[in-house]
Amino acid sequence: PPITPEAREAARELSEDPALLHRAIRTI
């Protein structure tokens, strides 16, 4: 499916989070 506005906004919030990599490791 195409990227929804909600997913786009969630991706933007991830990119602005200084703890992004820590969140990725925790999610795995």
mmCIF file of all heavy atoms, coordinates in Angstrom:
data_MODEL
# 
_entry.id   MODEL 
# 
loop_
_atom_site.group_PDB 
_atom_site.id 
_atom_site.type_symbol 
_atom_site.label_atom_id 
_atom_site.label_alt_id 
_atom_site.label_comp_id 
_atom_site.label_asym_id 
_atom_site.label_entity_id 
_atom_site.label_seq_id 
_atom_site.pdbx_PDB_ins_code 
_atom_site.Cartn_x 
_atom_site.Cartn_y 
_atom_site.Cartn_z 
_atom_site.occupancy 
_atom_site.B_iso_or_equiv 
_atom_site.pdbx_formal_charge 
_atom_site.auth_seq_id 
_atom_site.auth_comp_id 
_atom_site.auth_asym_id 
_atom_site.auth_atom_id 
_atom_site.pdbx_PDB_model_num 
ATOM 1   N N   . PRO A 1 1  ? 0.833  -1.210 0.000  1.00 0.00 ? 1  PRO A N   1 
ATOM 2   C CA  . PRO A 1 1  ? 0.000  0.000  0.000  1.00 0.00 ? 1  PRO A CA  1 
ATOM 3   C C   . PRO A 1 1  ? 0.862  1.251  0.000  1.00 0.00 ? 1  PRO A C   1 
ATOM 4   O O   . PRO A 1 1  ? 2.004  1.243  0.476  1.00 0.00 ? 1  PRO A O   1 
ATOM 5   C CB  . PRO A 1 1  ? -0.783 -0.136 1.315  1.00 0.00 ? 1  PRO A CB  1 
ATOM 6   C CG  . PRO A 1 1  ? 0.080  -0.996 2.188  1.00 0.00 ? 1  PRO A CG  1 
ATOM 7   C CD  . PRO A 1 1  ? 0.772  -1.942 1.268  1.00 0.00 ? 1  PRO A CD  1 
ATOM 8   N N   . PRO A 1 2  ? 0.363  2.343  -0.536 1.00 0.00 ? 2  PRO A N   1 
ATOM 9   C CA  . PRO A 1 2  ? 1.114  3.600  -0.502 1.00 0.00 ? 2  PRO A CA  1 
ATOM 10  C C   . PRO A 1 2  ? 1.246  4.104  0.936  1.00 0.00 ? 2  PRO A C   1 
ATOM 11  O O   . PRO A 1 2  ? 0.490  3.705  1.829  1.00 0.00 ? 2  PRO A O   1 
ATOM 12  C CB  . PRO A 1 2  ? 0.252  4.548  -1.350 1.00 0.00 ? 2  PRO A CB  1 
ATOM 13  C CG  . PRO A 1 2  ? -1.133 3.965  -1.281 1.00 0.00 ? 2  PRO A CG  1 
ATOM 14  C CD  . PRO A 1 2  ? -0.943 2.480  -1.205 1.00 0.00 ? 2  PRO A CD  1 
ATOM 15  N N   . ILE A 1 3  ? 2.205  4.982  1.144  1.00 0.00 ? 3  ILE A N   1 
ATOM 16  C CA  . ILE A 1 3  ? 2.444  5.514  2.480  1.00 0.00 ? 3  ILE A CA  1 
ATOM 17  C C   . ILE A 1 3  ? 1.317  6.491  2.835  1.00 0.00 ? 3  ILE A C   1 
ATOM 18  O O   . ILE A 1 3  ? 1.071  7.464  2.121  1.00 0.00 ? 3  ILE A O   1 
ATOM 19  C CB  . ILE A 1 3  ? 3.802  6.232  2.533  1.00 0.00 ? 3  ILE A CB  1 
ATOM 20  C CG1 . ILE A 1 3  ? 4.919  5.250  2.178  1.00 0.00 ? 3  ILE A CG1 1 
ATOM 21  C CG2 . ILE A 1 3  ? 4.056  6.820  3.911  1.00 0.00 ? 3  ILE A CG2 1 
ATOM 22  C CD1 . ILE A 1 3  ? 6.288  5.881  2.087  1.00 0.00 ? 3  ILE A CD1 1 
ATOM 23  N N   . THR A 1 4  ? 0.643  6.209  3.924  1.00 0.00 ? 4  THR A N   1 
ATOM 24  C CA  . THR A 1 4  ? -0.461 7.055  4.354  1.00 0.00 ? 4  THR A CA  1 
ATOM 25  C C   . THR A 1 4  ? 0.070  8.311  5.047  1.00 0.00 ? 4  THR A C   1 
ATOM 26  O O   . THR A 1 4  ? 1.221  8.330  5.516  1.00 0.00 ? 4  THR A O   1 
ATOM 27  C CB  . THR A 1 4  ? -1.372 6.292  5.326  1.00 0.00 ? 4  THR A CB  1 
ATOM 28  O OG1 . THR A 1 4  ? -0.619 5.981  6.511  1.00 0.00 ? 4  THR A OG1 1 
ATOM 29  C CG2 . THR A 1 4  ? -1.883 5.008  4.691  1.00 0.00 ? 4  THR A CG2 1 
ATOM 30  N N   . PRO A 1 5  ? -0.739 9.363  5.137  1.00 0.00 ? 5  PRO A N   1 
ATOM 31  C CA  . PRO A 1 5  ? -0.303 10.559 5.878  1.00 0.00 ? 5  PRO A CA  1 
ATOM 32  C C   . PRO A 1 5  ? 0.061  10.242 7.325  1.00 0.00 ? 5  PRO A C   1 
ATOM 33  O O   . PRO A 1 5  ? 0.991  10.835 7.876  1.00 0.00 ? 5  PRO A O   1 
ATOM 34  C CB  . PRO A 1 5  ? -1.522 11.490 5.795  1.00 0.00 ? 5  PRO A CB  1 
ATOM 35  C CG  . PRO A 1 5  ? -2.250 11.062 4.557  1.00 0.00 ? 5  PRO A CG  1 
ATOM 36  C CD  . PRO A 1 5  ? -2.042 9.578  4.473  1.00 0.00 ? 5  PRO A CD  1 
ATOM 37  N N   . GLU A 1 6  ? -0.673 9.309  7.943  1.00 0.00 ? 6  GLU A N   1 
ATOM 38  C CA  . GLU A 1 6  ? -0.368 8.943  9.331  1.00 0.00 ? 6  GLU A CA  1 
ATOM 39  C C   . GLU A 1 6  ? 1.010  8.285  9.427  1.00 0.00 ? 6  GLU A C   1 
ATOM 40  O O   . GLU A 1 6  ? 1.795  8.582  10.339 1.00 0.00 ? 6  GLU A O   1 
ATOM 41  C CB  . GLU A 1 6  ? -1.435 7.987  9.870  1.00 0.00 ? 6  GLU A CB  1 
ATOM 42  C CG  . GLU A 1 6  ? -2.825 8.599  10.005 1.00 0.00 ? 6  GLU A CG  1 
ATOM 43  C CD  . GLU A 1 6  ? -3.559 8.708  8.696  1.00 0.00 ? 6  GLU A CD  1 
ATOM 44  O OE1 . GLU A 1 6  ? -3.100 8.088  7.709  1.00 0.00 ? 6  GLU A OE1 1 
ATOM 45  O OE2 . GLU A 1 6  ? -4.595 9.403  8.651  1.00 0.00 ? 6  GLU A OE2 1 
ATOM 46  N N   . ALA A 1 7  ? 1.314  7.361  8.478  1.00 0.00 ? 7  ALA A N   1 
ATOM 47  C CA  . ALA A 1 7  ? 2.617  6.702  8.489  1.00 0.00 ? 7  ALA A CA  1 
ATOM 48  C C   . ALA A 1 7  ? 3.730  7.699  8.195  1.00 0.00 ? 7  ALA A C   1 
ATOM 49  O O   . ALA A 1 7  ? 4.814  7.618  8.782  1.00 0.00 ? 7  ALA A O   1 
ATOM 50  C CB  . ALA A 1 7  ? 2.642  5.569  7.465  1.00 0.00 ? 7  ALA A CB  1 
ATOM 51  N N   . ARG A 1 8  ? 3.465  8.628  7.318  1.00 0.00 ? 8  ARG A N   1 
ATOM 52  C CA  . ARG A 1 8  ? 4.463  9.649  6.992  1.00 0.00 ? 8  ARG A CA  1 
ATOM 53  C C   . ARG A 1 8  ? 4.774  10.499 8.228  1.00 0.00 ? 8  ARG A C   1 
ATOM 54  O O   . ARG A 1 8  ? 5.929  10.814 8.514  1.00 0.00 ? 8  ARG A O   1 
ATOM 55  C CB  . ARG A 1 8  ? 3.949  10.518 5.847  1.00 0.00 ? 8  ARG A CB  1 
ATOM 56  C CG  . ARG A 1 8  ? 4.960  11.498 5.274  1.00 0.00 ? 8  ARG A CG  1 
ATOM 57  C CD  . ARG A 1 8  ? 4.337  12.264 4.125  1.00 0.00 ? 8  ARG A CD  1 
ATOM 58  N NE  . ARG A 1 8  ? 4.010  11.376 3.022  1.00 0.00 ? 8  ARG A NE  1 
ATOM 59  C CZ  . ARG A 1 8  ? 4.849  11.072 2.035  1.00 0.00 ? 8  ARG A CZ  1 
ATOM 60  N NH1 . ARG A 1 8  ? 6.063  11.599 2.036  1.00 0.00 ? 8  ARG A NH1 1 
ATOM 61  N NH2 . ARG A 1 8  ? 4.470  10.273 1.061  1.00 0.00 ? 8  ARG A NH2 1 
ATOM 62  N N   . GLU A 1 9  ? 3.753  10.854 8.970  1.00 0.00 ? 9  GLU A N   1 
ATOM 63  C CA  . GLU A 1 9  ? 3.946  11.653 10.180 1.00 0.00 ? 9  GLU A CA  1 
ATOM 64  C C   . GLU A 1 9  ? 4.688  10.847 11.246 1.00 0.00 ? 9  GLU A C   1 
ATOM 65  O O   . GLU A 1 9  ? 5.571  11.377 11.944 1.00 0.00 ? 9  GLU A O   1 
ATOM 66  C CB  . GLU A 1 9  ? 2.592  12.110 10.728 1.00 0.00 ? 9  GLU A CB  1 
ATOM 67  C CG  . GLU A 1 9  ? 2.661  12.900 12.026 1.00 0.00 ? 9  GLU A CG  1 
ATOM 68  C CD  . GLU A 1 9  ? 3.431  14.203 11.901 1.00 0.00 ? 9  GLU A CD  1 
ATOM 69  O OE1 . GLU A 1 9  ? 3.591  14.698 10.763 1.00 0.00 ? 9  GLU A OE1 1 
ATOM 70  O OE2 . GLU A 1 9  ? 3.877  14.732 12.936 1.00 0.00 ? 9  GLU A OE2 1 
ATOM 71  N N   . ALA A 1 10 ? 4.356  9.549  11.353 1.00 0.00 ? 10 ALA A N   1 
ATOM 72  C CA  . ALA A 1 10 ? 5.057  8.697  12.323 1.00 0.00 ? 10 ALA A CA  1 
ATOM 73  C C   . ALA A 1 10 ? 6.536  8.569  11.957 1.00 0.00 ? 10 ALA A C   1 
ATOM 74  O O   . ALA A 1 10 ? 7.403  8.567  12.840 1.00 0.00 ? 10 ALA A O   1 
ATOM 75  C CB  . ALA A 1 10 ? 4.400  7.314  12.372 1.00 0.00 ? 10 ALA A CB  1 
ATOM 76  N N   . ALA A 1 11 ? 6.834  8.461  10.664 1.00 0.00 ? 11 ALA A N   1 
ATOM 77  C CA  . ALA A 1 11 ? 8.229  8.388  10.227 1.00 0.00 ? 11 ALA A CA  1 
ATOM 78  C C   . ALA A 1 11 ? 8.967  9.682  10.540 1.00 0.00 ? 11 ALA A C   1 
ATOM 79  O O   . ALA A 1 11 ? 10.137 9.665  10.939 1.00 0.00 ? 11 ALA A O   1 
ATOM 80  C CB  . ALA A 1 11 ? 8.290  8.085  8.731  1.00 0.00 ? 11 ALA A CB  1 
ATOM 81  N N   . ARG A 1 12 ? 8.291  10.807 10.372 1.00 0.00 ? 12 ARG A N   1 
ATOM 82  C CA  . ARG A 1 12 ? 8.923  12.100 10.679 1.00 0.00 ? 12 ARG A CA  1 
ATOM 83  C C   . ARG A 1 12 ? 9.247  12.199 12.174 1.00 0.00 ? 12 ARG A C   1 
ATOM 84  O O   . ARG A 1 12 ? 10.327 12.661 12.560 1.00 0.00 ? 12 ARG A O   1 
ATOM 85  C CB  . ARG A 1 12 ? 8.006  13.247 10.269 1.00 0.00 ? 12 ARG A CB  1 
ATOM 86  C CG  . ARG A 1 12 ? 8.631  14.629 10.431 1.00 0.00 ? 12 ARG A CG  1 
ATOM 87  C CD  . ARG A 1 12 ? 7.603  15.719 10.225 1.00 0.00 ? 12 ARG A CD  1 
ATOM 88  N NE  . ARG A 1 12 ? 6.569  15.676 11.259 1.00 0.00 ? 12 ARG A NE  1 
ATOM 89  C CZ  . ARG A 1 12 ? 6.731  16.157 12.484 1.00 0.00 ? 12 ARG A CZ  1 
ATOM 90  N NH1 . ARG A 1 12 ? 7.887  16.693 12.842 1.00 0.00 ? 12 ARG A NH1 1 
ATOM 91  N NH2 . ARG A 1 12 ? 5.759  16.080 13.358 1.00 0.00 ? 12 ARG A NH2 1 
ATOM 92  N N   . GLU A 1 13 ? 8.316  11.731 13.013 1.00 0.00 ? 13 GLU A N   1 
ATOM 93  C CA  . GLU A 1 13 ? 8.557  11.760 14.455 1.00 0.00 ? 13 GLU A CA  1 
ATOM 94  C C   . GLU A 1 13 ? 9.738  10.859 14.838 1.00 0.00 ? 13 GLU A C   1 
ATOM 95  O O   . GLU A 1 13 ? 10.541 11.199 15.715 1.00 0.00 ? 13 GLU A O   1 
ATOM 96  C CB  . GLU A 1 13 ? 7.294  11.322 15.199 1.00 0.00 ? 13 GLU A CB  1 
ATOM 97  C CG  . GLU A 1 13 ? 6.149  12.341 15.095 1.00 0.00 ? 13 GLU A CG  1 
ATOM 98  C CD  . GLU A 1 13 ? 4.897  11.860 15.793 1.00 0.00 ? 13 GLU A CD  1 
ATOM 99  O OE1 . GLU A 1 13 ? 4.925  10.730 16.338 1.00 0.00 ? 13 GLU A OE1 1 
ATOM 100 O OE2 . GLU A 1 13 ? 3.886  12.590 15.786 1.00 0.00 ? 13 GLU A OE2 1 
ATOM 101 N N   . LEU A 1 14 ? 9.846  9.699  14.176 1.00 0.00 ? 14 LEU A N   1 
ATOM 102 C CA  . LEU A 1 14 ? 10.985 8.828  14.438 1.00 0.00 ? 14 LEU A CA  1 
ATOM 103 C C   . LEU A 1 14 ? 12.295 9.529  14.088 1.00 0.00 ? 14 LEU A C   1 
ATOM 104 O O   . LEU A 1 14 ? 13.271 9.473  14.840 1.00 0.00 ? 14 LEU A O   1 
ATOM 105 C CB  . LEU A 1 14 ? 10.859 7.538  13.628 1.00 0.00 ? 14 LEU A CB  1 
ATOM 106 C CG  . LEU A 1 14 ? 9.902  6.462  14.140 1.00 0.00 ? 14 LEU A CG  1 
ATOM 107 C CD1 . LEU A 1 14 ? 9.784  5.326  13.135 1.00 0.00 ? 14 LEU A CD1 1 
ATOM 108 C CD2 . LEU A 1 14 ? 10.362 5.914  15.485 1.00 0.00 ? 14 LEU A CD2 1 
ATOM 109 N N   . SER A 1 15 ? 12.326 10.189 12.942 1.00 0.00 ? 15 SER A N   1 
ATOM 110 C CA  . SER A 1 15 ? 13.553 10.849 12.505 1.00 0.00 ? 15 SER A CA  1 
ATOM 111 C C   . SER A 1 15 ? 13.953 11.994 13.420 1.00 0.00 ? 15 SER A C   1 
ATOM 112 O O   . SER A 1 15 ? 15.133 12.335 13.523 1.00 0.00 ? 15 SER A O   1 
ATOM 113 C CB  . SER A 1 15 ? 13.394 11.365 11.071 1.00 0.00 ? 15 SER A CB  1 
ATOM 114 O OG  . SER A 1 15 ? 14.594 11.927 10.597 1.00 0.00 ? 15 SER A OG  1 
ATOM 115 N N   . GLU A 1 16 ? 12.986 12.583 14.103 1.00 0.00 ? 16 GLU A N   1 
ATOM 116 C CA  . GLU A 1 16 ? 13.281 13.696 15.004 1.00 0.00 ? 16 GLU A CA  1 
ATOM 117 C C   . GLU A 1 16 ? 13.633 13.225 16.414 1.00 0.00 ? 16 GLU A C   1 
ATOM 118 O O   . GLU A 1 16 ? 14.017 14.036 17.250 1.00 0.00 ? 16 GLU A O   1 
ATOM 119 C CB  . GLU A 1 16 ? 12.074 14.634 15.068 1.00 0.00 ? 16 GLU A CB  1 
ATOM 120 C CG  . GLU A 1 16 ? 11.837 15.415 13.777 1.00 0.00 ? 16 GLU A CG  1 
ATOM 121 C CD  . GLU A 1 16 ? 10.634 16.333 13.865 1.00 0.00 ? 16 GLU A CD  1 
ATOM 122 O OE1 . GLU A 1 16 ? 9.842  16.176 14.830 1.00 0.00 ? 16 GLU A OE1 1 
ATOM 123 O OE2 . GLU A 1 16 ? 10.480 17.198 12.990 1.00 0.00 ? 16 GLU A OE2 1 
ATOM 124 N N   . ASP A 1 17 ? 13.504 11.928 16.669 1.00 0.00 ? 17 ASP A N   1 
ATOM 125 C CA  . ASP A 1 17 ? 13.752 11.397 18.011 1.00 0.00 ? 17 ASP A CA  1 
ATOM 126 C C   . ASP A 1 17 ? 15.232 11.098 18.193 1.00 0.00 ? 17 ASP A C   1 
ATOM 127 O O   . ASP A 1 17 ? 15.785 10.247 17.478 1.00 0.00 ? 17 ASP A O   1 
ATOM 128 C CB  . ASP A 1 17 ? 12.927 10.128 18.212 1.00 0.00 ? 17 ASP A CB  1 
ATOM 129 C CG  . ASP A 1 17 ? 13.000 9.611  19.647 1.00 0.00 ? 17 ASP A CG  1 
ATOM 130 O OD1 . ASP A 1 17 ? 13.765 10.186 20.453 1.00 0.00 ? 17 ASP A OD1 1 
ATOM 131 O OD2 . ASP A 1 17 ? 12.286 8.648  19.963 1.00 0.00 ? 17 ASP A OD2 1 
ATOM 132 N N   . PRO A 1 18 ? 15.923 11.743 19.124 1.00 0.00 ? 18 PRO A N   1 
ATOM 133 C CA  . PRO A 1 18 ? 17.344 11.419 19.349 1.00 0.00 ? 18 PRO A CA  1 
ATOM 134 C C   . PRO A 1 18 ? 17.552 9.964  19.767 1.00 0.00 ? 18 PRO A C   1 
ATOM 135 O O   . PRO A 1 18 ? 18.649 9.432  19.596 1.00 0.00 ? 18 PRO A O   1 
ATOM 136 C CB  . PRO A 1 18 ? 17.746 12.380 20.481 1.00 0.00 ? 18 PRO A CB  1 
ATOM 137 C CG  . PRO A 1 18 ? 16.720 13.463 20.475 1.00 0.00 ? 18 PRO A CG  1 
ATOM 138 C CD  . PRO A 1 18 ? 15.451 12.822 20.008 1.00 0.00 ? 18 PRO A CD  1 
ATOM 139 N N   . ALA A 1 19 ? 16.520 9.317  20.304 1.00 0.00 ? 19 ALA A N   1 
ATOM 140 C CA  . ALA A 1 19 ? 16.637 7.927  20.747 1.00 0.00 ? 19 ALA A CA  1 
ATOM 141 C C   . ALA A 1 19 ? 16.179 6.944  19.675 1.00 0.00 ? 19 ALA A C   1 
ATOM 142 O O   . ALA A 1 19 ? 15.841 5.790  19.982 1.00 0.00 ? 19 ALA A O   1 
ATOM 143 C CB  . ALA A 1 19 ? 15.817 7.712  22.019 1.00 0.00 ? 19 ALA A CB  1 
ATOM 144 N N   . LEU A 1 20 ? 16.180 7.351  18.406 1.00 0.00 ? 20 LEU A N   1 
ATOM 145 C CA  . LEU A 1 20 ? 15.667 6.518  17.324 1.00 0.00 ? 20 LEU A CA  1 
ATOM 146 C C   . LEU A 1 20 ? 16.345 5.151  17.267 1.00 0.00 ? 20 LEU A C   1 
ATOM 147 O O   . LEU A 1 20 ? 15.680 4.114  17.206 1.00 0.00 ? 20 LEU A O   1 
ATOM 148 C CB  . LEU A 1 20 ? 15.842 7.251  15.990 1.00 0.00 ? 20 LEU A CB  1 
ATOM 149 C CG  . LEU A 1 20 ? 15.642 6.445  14.704 1.00 0.00 ? 20 LEU A CG  1 
ATOM 150 C CD1 . LEU A 1 20 ? 14.260 5.807  14.676 1.00 0.00 ? 20 LEU A CD1 1 
ATOM 151 C CD2 . LEU A 1 20 ? 15.850 7.324  13.482 1.00 0.00 ? 20 LEU A CD2 1 
ATOM 152 N N   . LEU A 1 21 ? 17.667 5.115  17.276 1.00 0.00 ? 21 LEU A N   1 
ATOM 153 C CA  . LEU A 1 21 ? 18.355 3.826  17.173 1.00 0.00 ? 21 LEU A CA  1 
ATOM 154 C C   . LEU A 1 21 ? 18.077 2.942  18.382 1.00 0.00 ? 21 LEU A C   1 
ATOM 155 O O   . LEU A 1 21 ? 17.929 1.719  18.244 1.00 0.00 ? 21 LEU A O   1 
ATOM 156 C CB  . LEU A 1 21 ? 19.860 4.050  17.018 1.00 0.00 ? 21 LEU A CB  1 
ATOM 157 C CG  . LEU A 1 21 ? 20.367 4.177  15.580 1.00 0.00 ? 21 LEU A CG  1 
ATOM 158 C CD1 . LEU A 1 21 ? 21.865 4.436  15.559 1.00 0.00 ? 21 LEU A CD1 1 
ATOM 159 C CD2 . LEU A 1 21 ? 20.041 2.928  14.780 1.00 0.00 ? 21 LEU A CD2 1 
ATOM 160 N N   . HIS A 1 22 ? 18.007 3.540  19.562 1.00 0.00 ? 22 HIS A N   1 
ATOM 161 C CA  . HIS A 1 22 ? 17.675 2.761  20.746 1.00 0.00 ? 22 HIS A CA  1 
ATOM 162 C C   . HIS A 1 22 ? 16.266 2.181  20.611 1.00 0.00 ? 22 HIS A C   1 
ATOM 163 O O   . HIS A 1 22 ? 16.028 1.017  20.996 1.00 0.00 ? 22 HIS A O   1 
ATOM 164 C CB  . HIS A 1 22 ? 17.769 3.643  21.988 1.00 0.00 ? 22 HIS A CB  1 
ATOM 165 C CG  . HIS A 1 22 ? 17.397 2.931  23.259 1.00 0.00 ? 22 HIS A CG  1 
ATOM 166 N ND1 . HIS A 1 22 ? 18.124 1.869  23.746 1.00 0.00 ? 22 HIS A ND1 1 
ATOM 167 C CD2 . HIS A 1 22 ? 16.361 3.122  24.123 1.00 0.00 ? 22 HIS A CD2 1 
ATOM 168 C CE1 . HIS A 1 22 ? 17.554 1.435  24.864 1.00 0.00 ? 22 HIS A CE1 1 
ATOM 169 N NE2 . HIS A 1 22 ? 16.491 2.158  25.106 1.00 0.00 ? 22 HIS A NE2 1 
ATOM 170 N N   . ARG A 1 23 ? 15.341 2.941  20.061 1.00 0.00 ? 23 ARG A N   1 
ATOM 171 C CA  . ARG A 1 23 ? 13.982 2.440  19.863 1.00 0.00 ? 23 ARG A CA  1 
ATOM 172 C C   . ARG A 1 23 ? 13.964 1.279  18.869 1.00 0.00 ? 23 ARG A C   1 
ATOM 173 O O   . ARG A 1 23 ? 13.225 0.303  19.051 1.00 0.00 ? 23 ARG A O   1 
ATOM 174 C CB  . ARG A 1 23 ? 13.078 3.577  19.379 1.00 0.00 ? 23 ARG A CB  1 
ATOM 175 C CG  . ARG A 1 23 ? 12.753 4.591  20.454 1.00 0.00 ? 23 ARG A CG  1 
ATOM 176 C CD  . ARG A 1 23 ? 11.918 5.738  19.908 1.00 0.00 ? 23 ARG A CD  1 
ATOM 177 N NE  . ARG A 1 23 ? 10.622 5.302  19.402 1.00 0.00 ? 23 ARG A NE  1 
ATOM 178 C CZ  . ARG A 1 23 ? 9.710  6.139  18.875 1.00 0.00 ? 23 ARG A CZ  1 
ATOM 179 N NH1 . ARG A 1 23 ? 9.996  7.434  18.785 1.00 0.00 ? 23 ARG A NH1 1 
ATOM 180 N NH2 . ARG A 1 23 ? 8.564  5.678  18.455 1.00 0.00 ? 23 ARG A NH2 1 
ATOM 181 N N   . ALA A 1 24 ? 14.762 1.379  17.798 1.00 0.00 ? 24 ALA A N   1 
ATOM 182 C CA  . ALA A 1 24 ? 14.816 0.292  16.813 1.00 0.00 ? 24 ALA A CA  1 
ATOM 183 C C   . ALA A 1 24 ? 15.344 -0.991 17.457 1.00 0.00 ? 24 ALA A C   1 
ATOM 184 O O   . ALA A 1 24 ? 14.785 -2.073 17.258 1.00 0.00 ? 24 ALA A O   1 
ATOM 185 C CB  . ALA A 1 24 ? 15.696 0.702  15.636 1.00 0.00 ? 24 ALA A CB  1 
ATOM 186 N N   . ILE A 1 25 ? 16.414 -0.867 18.243 1.00 0.00 ? 25 ILE A N   1 
ATOM 187 C CA  . ILE A 1 25 ? 16.986 -2.039 18.911 1.00 0.00 ? 25 ILE A CA  1 
ATOM 188 C C   . ILE A 1 25 ? 15.978 -2.640 19.884 1.00 0.00 ? 25 ILE A C   1 
ATOM 189 O O   . ILE A 1 25 ? 15.816 -3.867 19.967 1.00 0.00 ? 25 ILE A O   1 
ATOM 190 C CB  . ILE A 1 25 ? 18.282 -1.630 19.634 1.00 0.00 ? 25 ILE A CB  1 
ATOM 191 C CG1 . ILE A 1 25 ? 19.355 -1.264 18.611 1.00 0.00 ? 25 ILE A CG1 1 
ATOM 192 C CG2 . ILE A 1 25 ? 18.772 -2.739 20.553 1.00 0.00 ? 25 ILE A CG2 1 
ATOM 193 C CD1 . ILE A 1 25 ? 20.590 -0.639 19.210 1.00 0.00 ? 25 ILE A CD1 1 
ATOM 194 N N   . ARG A 1 26 ? 15.276 -1.767 20.609 1.00 0.00 ? 26 ARG A N   1 
ATOM 195 C CA  . ARG A 1 26 ? 14.279 -2.251 21.573 1.00 0.00 ? 26 ARG A CA  1 
ATOM 196 C C   . ARG A 1 26 ? 13.107 -2.926 20.854 1.00 0.00 ? 26 ARG A C   1 
ATOM 197 O O   . ARG A 1 26 ? 12.568 -3.930 21.323 1.00 0.00 ? 26 ARG A O   1 
ATOM 198 C CB  . ARG A 1 26 ? 13.792 -1.062 22.409 1.00 0.00 ? 26 ARG A CB  1 
ATOM 199 C CG  . ARG A 1 26 ? 12.966 -1.460 23.629 1.00 0.00 ? 26 ARG A CG  1 
ATOM 200 C CD  . ARG A 1 26 ? 12.644 -0.218 24.422 1.00 0.00 ? 26 ARG A CD  1 
ATOM 201 N NE  . ARG A 1 26 ? 11.864 0.720  23.617 1.00 0.00 ? 26 ARG A NE  1 
ATOM 202 C CZ  . ARG A 1 26 ? 11.773 2.030  23.862 1.00 0.00 ? 26 ARG A CZ  1 
ATOM 203 N NH1 . ARG A 1 26 ? 12.426 2.557  24.877 1.00 0.00 ? 26 ARG A NH1 1 
ATOM 204 N NH2 . ARG A 1 26 ? 11.043 2.814  23.099 1.00 0.00 ? 26 ARG A NH2 1 
ATOM 205 N N   . THR A 1 27 ? 12.704 -2.392 19.700 1.00 0.00 ? 27 THR A N   1 
ATOM 206 C CA  . THR A 1 27 ? 11.588 -2.979 18.949 1.00 0.00 ? 27 THR A CA  1 
ATOM 207 C C   . THR A 1 27 ? 11.939 -4.379 18.464 1.00 0.00 ? 27 THR A C   1 
ATOM 208 O O   . THR A 1 27 ? 11.109 -5.299 18.514 1.00 0.00 ? 27 THR A O   1 
ATOM 209 C CB  . THR A 1 27 ? 11.231 -2.080 17.752 1.00 0.00 ? 27 THR A CB  1 
ATOM 210 O OG1 . THR A 1 27 ? 10.851 -0.782 18.229 1.00 0.00 ? 27 THR A OG1 1 
ATOM 211 C CG2 . THR A 1 27 ? 10.086 -2.672 16.952 1.00 0.00 ? 27 THR A CG2 1 
ATOM 212 N N   . ILE A 1 28 ? 13.172 -4.579 17.984 1.00 0.00 ? 28 ILE A N   1 
ATOM 213 C CA  . ILE A 1 28 ? 13.590 -5.918 17.560 1.00 0.00 ? 28 ILE A CA  1 
ATOM 214 C C   . ILE A 1 28 ? 13.577 -6.868 18.757 1.00 0.00 ? 28 ILE A C   1 
ATOM 215 O O   . ILE A 1 28 ? 13.239 -8.052 18.625 1.00 0.00 ? 28 ILE A O   1 
ATOM 216 C CB  . ILE A 1 28 ? 14.986 -5.852 16.907 1.00 0.00 ? 28 ILE A CB  1 
ATOM 217 C CG1 . ILE A 1 28 ? 14.935 -4.978 15.651 1.00 0.00 ? 28 ILE A CG1 1 
ATOM 218 C CG2 . ILE A 1 28 ? 15.492 -7.253 16.552 1.00 0.00 ? 28 ILE A CG2 1 
ATOM 219 C CD1 . ILE A 1 28 ? 16.291 -4.656 15.056 1.00 0.00 ? 28 ILE A CD1 1 
# 
